[in-house]
C-alpha atoms as a PDB file:
ATOM      1  CA  UNK A   1      89.987 167.000  92.682  1.00  0.00           C
ATOM      2  CA  UNK A   2      93.723 167.575  92.702  1.00  0.00           C
ATOM      3  CA  UNK A   3      94.944 168.619  89.316  1.00  0.00           C
ATOM      4  CA  UNK A   4      97.989 170.694  90.263  1.00  0.00           C
ATOM      5  CA  UNK A   5     101.039 168.536  89.635  1.00  0.00           C
ATOM      6  CA  UNK A   6     103.048 169.698  92.688  1.00  0.00           C
ATOM      7  CA  UNK A   7     100.130 168.697  95.016  1.00  0.00           C
ATOM      8  CA  UNK A   8      99.853 165.262  93.408  1.00  0.00           C
ATOM      9  CA  UNK A   9     103.587 164.739  93.676  1.00  0.00           C
ATOM     10  CA  UNK A  10     103.547 165.623  97.391  1.00  0.00           C
ATOM     11  CA  UNK A  11     100.775 163.133  98.034  1.00  0.00           C
ATOM     12  CA  UNK A  12     102.604 160.488  96.056  1.00  0.00           C
ATOM     13  CA  UNK A  13     105.748 161.070  98.113  1.00  0.00           C
ATOM     14  CA  UNK A  14     103.657 160.768 101.306  1.00  0.00           C
ATOM     15  CA  UNK A  15     102.245 157.526 100.046  1.00  0.00           C
ATOM     16  CA  UNK A  16     105.683 156.146  99.252  1.00  0.00           C
ATOM     17  CA  UNK A  17     106.860 157.115 102.738  1.00  0.00           C
ATOM     18  CA  UNK A  18     103.925 155.286 104.342  1.00  0.00           C
ATOM     19  CA  UNK A  19     104.390 152.241 102.096  1.00  0.00           C
ATOM     20  CA  UNK A  20     107.099 150.945 104.366  1.00  0.00           C
ATOM     21  CA  UNK A  21     106.149 149.614 107.878  1.00  0.00           C
ATOM     22  CA  UNK A  22     109.376 150.890 109.478  1.00  0.00           C
ATOM     23  CA  UNK A  23     108.879 154.402 108.149  1.00  0.00           C
ATOM     24  CA  UNK A  24     105.241 154.244 109.456  1.00  0.00           C
ATOM     25  CA  UNK A  25     106.622 153.295 112.880  1.00  0.00           C
ATOM     26  CA  UNK A  26     109.143 156.070 112.789  1.00  0.00           C
ATOM     27  CA  UNK A  27     106.424 158.640 111.934  1.00  0.00           C
ATOM     28  CA  UNK A  28     104.183 157.357 114.672  1.00  0.00           C
ATOM     29  CA  UNK A  29     107.018 157.515 117.200  1.00  0.00           C
ATOM     30  CA  UNK A  30     107.937 161.082 116.172  1.00  0.00           C
ATOM     31  CA  UNK A  31     104.258 161.925 116.439  1.00  0.00           C
ATOM     32  CA  UNK A  32     104.570 161.278 120.144  1.00  0.00           C
ATOM     33  CA  UNK A  33     107.843 163.236 120.638  1.00  0.00           C
ATOM     34  CA  UNK A  34     111.012 164.292 118.890  1.00  0.00           C
ATOM     35  CA  UNK A  35     113.881 161.809 119.312  1.00  0.00           C
ATOM     36  CA  UNK A  36     117.474 161.125 118.663  1.00  0.00           C
ATOM     37  CA  UNK A  37     118.417 158.348 116.244  1.00  0.00           C
ATOM     38  CA  UNK A  38     119.894 156.047 118.955  1.00  0.00           C
ATOM     39  CA  UNK A  39     116.640 156.318 120.900  1.00  0.00           C
ATOM     40  CA  UNK A  40     114.544 155.608 117.863  1.00  0.00           C
ATOM     41  CA  UNK A  41     116.662 152.620 116.817  1.00  0.00           C
ATOM     42  CA  UNK A  42     116.328 151.158 120.277  1.00  0.00           C
ATOM     43  CA  UNK A  43     112.536 151.735 120.557  1.00  0.00           C
ATOM     44  CA  UNK A  44     111.956 150.286 117.067  1.00  0.00           C
ATOM     45  CA  UNK A  45     114.415 147.402 117.468  1.00  0.00           C
ATOM     46  CA  UNK A  46     116.328 148.132 114.343  1.00  0.00           C
ATOM     47  CA  UNK A  47     119.967 148.962 113.549  1.00  0.00           C
ATOM     48  CA  UNK A  48     121.132 152.578 113.409  1.00  0.00           C
ATOM     49  CA  UNK A  49     122.208 152.075 109.794  1.00  0.00           C
ATOM     50  CA  UNK A  50     118.749 150.860 108.763  1.00  0.00           C
ATOM     51  CA  UNK A  51     117.171 153.700 110.708  1.00  0.00           C
ATOM     52  CA  UNK A  52     119.456 156.211 109.039  1.00  0.00           C
ATOM     53  CA  UNK A  53     118.324 155.061 105.677  1.00  0.00           C
ATOM     54  CA  UNK A  54     114.682 155.412 106.514  1.00  0.00           C
ATOM     55  CA  UNK A  55     115.226 158.831 108.162  1.00  0.00           C
ATOM     56  CA  UNK A  56     116.956 159.997 104.916  1.00  0.00           C
ATOM     57  CA  UNK A  57     113.909 158.913 102.905  1.00  0.00           C
ATOM     58  CA  UNK A  58     111.580 160.757 105.311  1.00  0.00           C
ATOM     59  CA  UNK A  59     113.704 163.892 105.218  1.00  0.00           C
ATOM     60  CA  UNK A  60     113.755 163.731 101.389  1.00  0.00           C
ATOM     61  CA  UNK A  61     109.960 163.468 101.409  1.00  0.00           C
ATOM     62  CA  UNK A  62     109.836 166.537 103.628  1.00  0.00           C
ATOM     63  CA  UNK A  63     108.027 164.675 106.449  1.00  0.00           C
ATOM     64  CA  UNK A  64     110.776 164.928 109.083  1.00  0.00           C
ATOM     65  CA  UNK A  65     113.442 167.474 109.890  1.00  0.00           C
ATOM     66  CA  UNK A  66     116.837 167.034 111.542  1.00  0.00           C
ATOM     67  CA  UNK A  67     117.468 169.572 114.294  1.00  0.00           C
ATOM     68  CA  UNK A  68     121.021 170.015 115.584  1.00  0.00           C
ATOM     69  CA  UNK A  69     121.317 169.869 119.322  1.00  0.00           C
ATOM     70  CA  UNK A  70     124.836 170.388 120.303  1.00  0.00           C
ATOM     71  CA  UNK A  71     126.806 167.554 118.805  1.00  0.00           C
ATOM     72  CA  UNK A  72     123.780 165.402 118.294  1.00  0.00           C
ATOM     73  CA  UNK A  73     120.849 165.537 115.851  1.00  0.00           C
ATOM     74  CA  UNK A  74     117.213 165.212 116.954  1.00  0.00           C
ATOM     75  CA  UNK A  75     114.486 164.269 114.535  1.00  0.00           C
ATOM     76  CA  UNK A  76     110.924 165.561 114.604  1.00  0.00           C
ATOM     77  CA  UNK A  77     107.917 165.802 112.289  1.00  0.00           C
ATOM     78  CA  UNK A  78     108.392 168.686 109.841  1.00  0.00           C
ATOM     79  CA  UNK A  79     105.018 170.118 110.885  1.00  0.00           C
ATOM     80  CA  UNK A  80     102.649 169.342 113.811  1.00  0.00           C
ATOM     81  CA  UNK A  81      99.773 168.969 111.357  1.00  0.00           C
ATOM     82  CA  UNK A  82     101.448 165.781 110.107  1.00  0.00           C
ATOM     83  CA  UNK A  83     100.838 164.146 113.458  1.00  0.00           C
ATOM     84  CA  UNK A  84      97.115 165.019 113.285  1.00  0.00           C
ATOM     85  CA  UNK A  85      96.974 163.785 109.637  1.00  0.00           C
ATOM     86  CA  UNK A  86      98.596 160.511 110.639  1.00  0.00           C
ATOM     87  CA  UNK A  87      96.044 160.087 113.457  1.00  0.00           C
ATOM     88  CA  UNK A  88      93.127 160.853 111.130  1.00  0.00           C
ATOM     89  CA  UNK A  89      94.461 158.563 108.376  1.00  0.00           C
ATOM     90  CA  UNK A  90      95.171 155.688 110.758  1.00  0.00           C
ATOM     91  CA  UNK A  91      91.713 155.982 112.395  1.00  0.00           C
ATOM     92  CA  UNK A  92      89.965 156.096 108.988  1.00  0.00           C
ATOM     93  CA  UNK A  93      91.959 153.188 107.477  1.00  0.00           C
ATOM     94  CA  UNK A  94      91.456 150.985 110.602  1.00  0.00           C
ATOM     95  CA  UNK A  95      87.689 151.718 110.625  1.00  0.00           C
ATOM     96  CA  UNK A  96      87.322 150.939 106.891  1.00  0.00           C
ATOM     97  CA  UNK A  97      89.301 147.705 107.261  1.00  0.00           C
ATOM     98  CA  UNK A  98      87.254 146.656 110.268  1.00  0.00           C
ATOM     99  CA  UNK A  99      84.033 147.335 108.401  1.00  0.00           C
ATOM    100  CA  UNK A 100      85.160 145.333 105.416  1.00  0.00           C
ATOM    101  CA  UNK A 101      86.669 142.606 107.533  1.00  0.00           C
ATOM    102  CA  UNK A 102      90.010 142.775 105.683  1.00  0.00           C
ATOM    103  CA  UNK A 103      92.877 145.171 105.028  1.00  0.00           C
ATOM    104  CA  UNK A 104      92.479 145.306 101.218  1.00  0.00           C
ATOM    105  CA  UNK A 105      90.088 143.544  98.826  1.00  0.00           C
ATOM    106  CA  UNK A 106      92.933 142.873  96.312  1.00  0.00           C
ATOM    107  CA  UNK A 107      95.513 141.829  98.865  1.00  0.00           C
ATOM    108  CA  UNK A 108      95.211 138.081  98.235  1.00  0.00           C
ATOM    109  CA  UNK A 109      94.928 138.195  94.479  1.00  0.00           C
ATOM    110  CA  UNK A 110      97.329 141.010  93.672  1.00  0.00           C
ATOM    111  CA  UNK A 111      99.621 140.942  96.678  1.00  0.00           C
ATOM    112  CA  UNK A 112      99.288 144.727  97.074  1.00  0.00           C
ATOM    113  CA  UNK A 113      98.901 144.989 100.868  1.00  0.00           C
END
């Protein structure tokens, strides 16, 4: 069981980052390959301003890093293990939801999911 405050805080930041569908899509896109903001905005179908706000959040959470490439900036996952963790988490959550026949037991009554 996690009892060390910094570990709990890191997991909480990770959870907050994943709480937004756009940030999830950004992380999954960067899992495939590093990308420049203009490319990400086009692929995700969102404005560059909106993307910039989400990238700032992901940077602050320590999940992505900005890498200068000439006059441009490329974004990538801060650590390759995050890509594996996202794959494992996605696979587990989808499997559990399929087994339960829903995404969350409290979704309808509590509006949590």
